[in-house]
Every structure is written in structure tokens, then in C-alpha cells.
Amino acid sequence: MRNRFHRALTGLVLGVSLTALVGCGTIFHPERKGQMSGRIDPVVAFANGVGLLFFIVPGVIAYAVDFSNGTIYLPGTQDSASVDTLFLDVNMDVATLEKLLSEKTGQLVSMDSELLRVEEVESLDEALALVRMAGINDRQRLATM
């Protein structure tokens, strides 16, 4: 009886640790990958927190993985930067491009700005990674923490 209980407890701890190590939200909701922000999903946050109860390291890793992948956020609650796809004409002049970007962003865009970065990407995932690395809205996100 004692051996059976020991095995069950070992299996439970191992299962929780493995789940926490790879990030609960990443396993449960892989379709959420790439979200930038939003409201935190309490179920995923709780599941990650279970990793903190057993061992600190698996829980911290689970939170880090879910925040970096964006899988901890509820879908449709994003309120910050987003990525729009624009198909540009090869023959488009600079003034037309500036006007198009100004209309899309709601701000005056100048192609002479050092802060402007235009880059062709292979996929939406690559575009989202570039936006994340650019630090867009970092001040706003840090203020809410």
C-alpha cells in the first residue's frame, strides 16, 4: 500500500513538473501564440501557479514561457500594438506610401524618420517577433504590471 502511494505521488509530481516546464498555456492553447497583450487567462495563470507550489523553478519557467509566447492572454482582449498586412505596389512613390501609413496609424508618418523601419517578412509570426523586439508600447505594458 505504501509503495503504491509513493508511486502515485511520484507520478503526480513528475506530471505537474513536466507540464509546468513546457508552459501550461503553450500546451493548452497553442493557437494563442504571438499575442502581444491582453487580459490574463486565470485558468492558465492558476495552472502555472501550481508549478510554483511544488517547485519554484518549474513554475517560473512556465510563466516565462507563457508570457514570451503570449499564450497566457485571453484571445480578443488585446489593446496595444497590432500587425496589419499591407500589400504595396512596387511602383508606389514615397508620398503615397507616407499617406497610406499615416491613414493606417492615425499619426503623421515621415519616411525620413530614424525611428521608421520598413521590412519585408516571410510570415506573420516573423512580423510579430519584430514588433515584440522593437519594444512597441513597452512603457504602457510595464505601467500595468
Protein backbone atom coordinates (compact mmCIF):
# COMPACT_ATOMS: atom_id res chain seq x y z
CA MET A 1 0.00 0.00 0.00
CA ARG A 2 2.80 2.40 0.91
CA ASN A 3 4.67 1.58 -2.32
CA ARG A 4 1.55 2.27 -4.41
CA PHE A 5 1.03 5.65 -2.72
CA HIS A 6 4.70 6.54 -3.25
CA ARG A 7 4.44 5.69 -6.97
CA ALA A 8 1.24 7.71 -7.39
CA LEU A 9 2.75 10.71 -5.64
CA THR A 10 5.93 10.46 -7.72
CA GLY A 11 3.87 10.28 -10.93
CA LEU A 12 1.79 13.29 -9.89
CA VAL A 13 4.85 15.40 -9.07
CA LEU A 14 6.57 14.36 -12.30
CA GLY A 15 3.45 15.15 -14.38
CA VAL A 16 2.97 18.57 -12.80
CA SER A 17 6.66 19.40 -13.19
CA LEU A 18 6.73 18.40 -16.86
CA THR A 19 3.60 20.40 -17.60
CA ALA A 20 4.98 23.43 -15.80
CA LEU A 21 8.36 23.17 -17.53
CA VAL A 22 6.92 23.49 -21.02
CA GLY A 23 4.35 26.15 -20.10
CA CYS A 24 0.72 25.32 -19.49
CA GLY A 25 -0.76 27.91 -21.84
CA THR A 26 1.57 26.80 -24.61
CA ILE A 27 0.28 23.23 -24.28
CA PHE A 28 -3.39 24.05 -23.64
CA HIS A 29 -3.79 26.90 -26.15
CA PRO A 30 -1.12 26.79 -28.89
CA GLU A 31 -3.42 28.85 -31.15
CA ARG A 32 -2.84 31.86 -28.87
CA LYS A 33 0.88 32.05 -29.70
CA GLY A 34 2.00 35.50 -30.78
CA GLN A 35 -0.49 37.58 -28.78
CA MET A 36 1.15 40.73 -27.52
CA SER A 37 -1.01 41.57 -24.53
CA GLY A 38 -4.50 41.45 -23.10
CA ARG A 39 -6.25 40.14 -20.03
CA ILE A 40 -4.52 37.20 -18.37
CA ASP A 41 -6.36 33.88 -18.53
CA PRO A 42 -6.95 32.89 -14.88
CA VAL A 43 -7.00 29.15 -15.67
CA VAL A 44 -3.57 29.26 -17.31
CA ALA A 45 -2.20 31.51 -14.55
CA PHE A 46 -3.51 29.08 -11.91
CA ALA A 47 -2.05 26.07 -13.74
CA ASN A 48 1.32 27.82 -13.89
CA GLY A 49 0.97 28.69 -10.21
CA VAL A 50 0.61 25.01 -9.34
CA GLY A 51 4.18 24.61 -10.58
CA LEU A 52 5.21 27.25 -8.03
CA LEU A 53 3.64 25.18 -5.22
CA PHE A 54 5.69 22.08 -5.97
CA PHE A 55 8.97 23.65 -7.06
CA ILE A 56 9.84 27.28 -7.72
CA VAL A 57 11.84 26.72 -10.93
CA PRO A 58 9.14 24.88 -12.97
CA GLY A 59 6.54 27.50 -12.09
CA VAL A 60 8.80 30.39 -13.01
CA ILE A 61 9.73 28.68 -16.28
CA ALA A 62 6.04 28.08 -17.09
CA TYR A 63 5.21 31.75 -16.53
CA ALA A 64 8.23 32.85 -18.59
CA VAL A 65 7.31 30.55 -21.49
CA ASP A 66 3.64 31.61 -21.47
CA PHE A 67 4.41 35.33 -21.28
CA SER A 68 7.05 35.13 -24.00
CA ASN A 69 4.74 33.14 -26.30
CA GLY A 70 1.68 35.24 -25.42
CA THR A 71 -0.35 32.13 -24.59
CA ILE A 72 -1.27 33.35 -21.11
CA TYR A 73 -3.53 36.08 -22.54
CA LEU A 74 -7.21 35.61 -23.30
CA PRO A 75 -7.98 35.96 -27.02
CA GLY A 76 -9.70 39.13 -28.16
CA THR A 77 -8.59 41.23 -25.18
CA GLN A 78 -5.54 42.77 -26.84
CA ASP A 79 -5.42 46.53 -26.51
CA SER A 80 -2.00 47.52 -27.79
CA ALA A 81 0.09 47.25 -30.92
CA SER A 82 -1.02 45.01 -33.72
CA VAL A 83 0.28 44.00 -37.11
CA ASP A 84 -1.56 44.93 -40.29
CA THR A 85 -0.72 43.40 -43.60
CA LEU A 86 -0.26 45.86 -46.43
CA PHE A 87 0.47 44.75 -49.95
CA LEU A 88 2.46 47.53 -51.53
CA ASP A 89 2.70 48.30 -55.19
CA VAL A 90 6.27 48.23 -56.48
CA ASN A 91 5.69 51.48 -58.37
CA MET A 92 4.34 53.35 -55.32
CA ASP A 93 6.10 56.67 -54.66
CA VAL A 94 7.24 57.84 -51.22
CA ALA A 95 4.48 60.44 -50.78
CA THR A 96 1.75 57.86 -51.46
CA LEU A 97 3.36 55.41 -49.04
CA GLU A 98 3.61 58.08 -46.32
CA LYS A 99 -0.07 58.95 -46.83
CA LEU A 100 -1.10 55.27 -46.67
CA LEU A 101 0.88 54.67 -43.48
CA SER A 102 -0.43 57.88 -41.90
CA GLU A 103 -4.02 56.80 -42.58
CA LYS A 104 -3.37 53.32 -41.14
CA THR A 105 -1.61 54.51 -37.98
CA GLY A 106 -3.57 57.69 -37.34
CA GLN A 107 -0.28 59.56 -36.94
CA LEU A 108 1.88 61.57 -39.27
CA VAL A 109 4.48 59.26 -40.83
CA SER A 110 7.64 60.55 -42.47
CA MET A 111 9.92 58.18 -44.36
CA ASP A 112 12.86 60.37 -43.27
CA SER A 113 12.38 59.43 -39.60
CA GLU A 114 15.15 57.41 -37.97
CA LEU A 115 12.51 55.55 -35.97
CA LEU A 116 10.74 54.16 -39.04
CA ARG A 117 11.61 50.63 -40.06
CA VAL A 118 10.21 49.05 -43.21
CA GLU A 119 10.99 45.41 -43.73
CA GLU A 120 9.60 42.61 -45.88
CA VAL A 121 8.84 39.49 -43.85
CA GLU A 122 8.10 35.90 -44.78
CA SER A 123 5.25 35.31 -42.32
CA LEU A 124 3.00 36.90 -39.70
CA ASP A 125 4.99 35.15 -36.95
CA GLU A 126 8.15 36.88 -38.13
CA ALA A 127 6.35 40.24 -38.21
CA LEU A 128 5.03 39.74 -34.65
CA ALA A 129 8.51 38.82 -33.43
CA LEU A 130 9.92 42.02 -34.96
CA VAL A 131 7.20 44.11 -33.28
CA ARG A 132 7.90 42.44 -29.93
CA MET A 133 11.65 43.03 -30.27
CA ALA A 134 11.06 46.68 -31.21
CA GLY A 135 9.63 47.36 -27.74
CA ILE A 136 6.38 48.90 -29.02
CA ASN A 137 4.20 50.00 -26.08
CA ASP A 138 6.71 48.70 -23.51
CA ARG A 139 6.09 51.71 -21.28
CA GLN A 140 2.34 51.06 -21.27
CA ARG A 141 2.80 47.34 -20.55
CA LEU A 142 5.26 47.97 -17.72
CA ALA A 143 2.94 50.55 -16.16
CA THR A 144 0.17 47.95 -15.82
CA MET A 145 2.40 45.44 -14.00
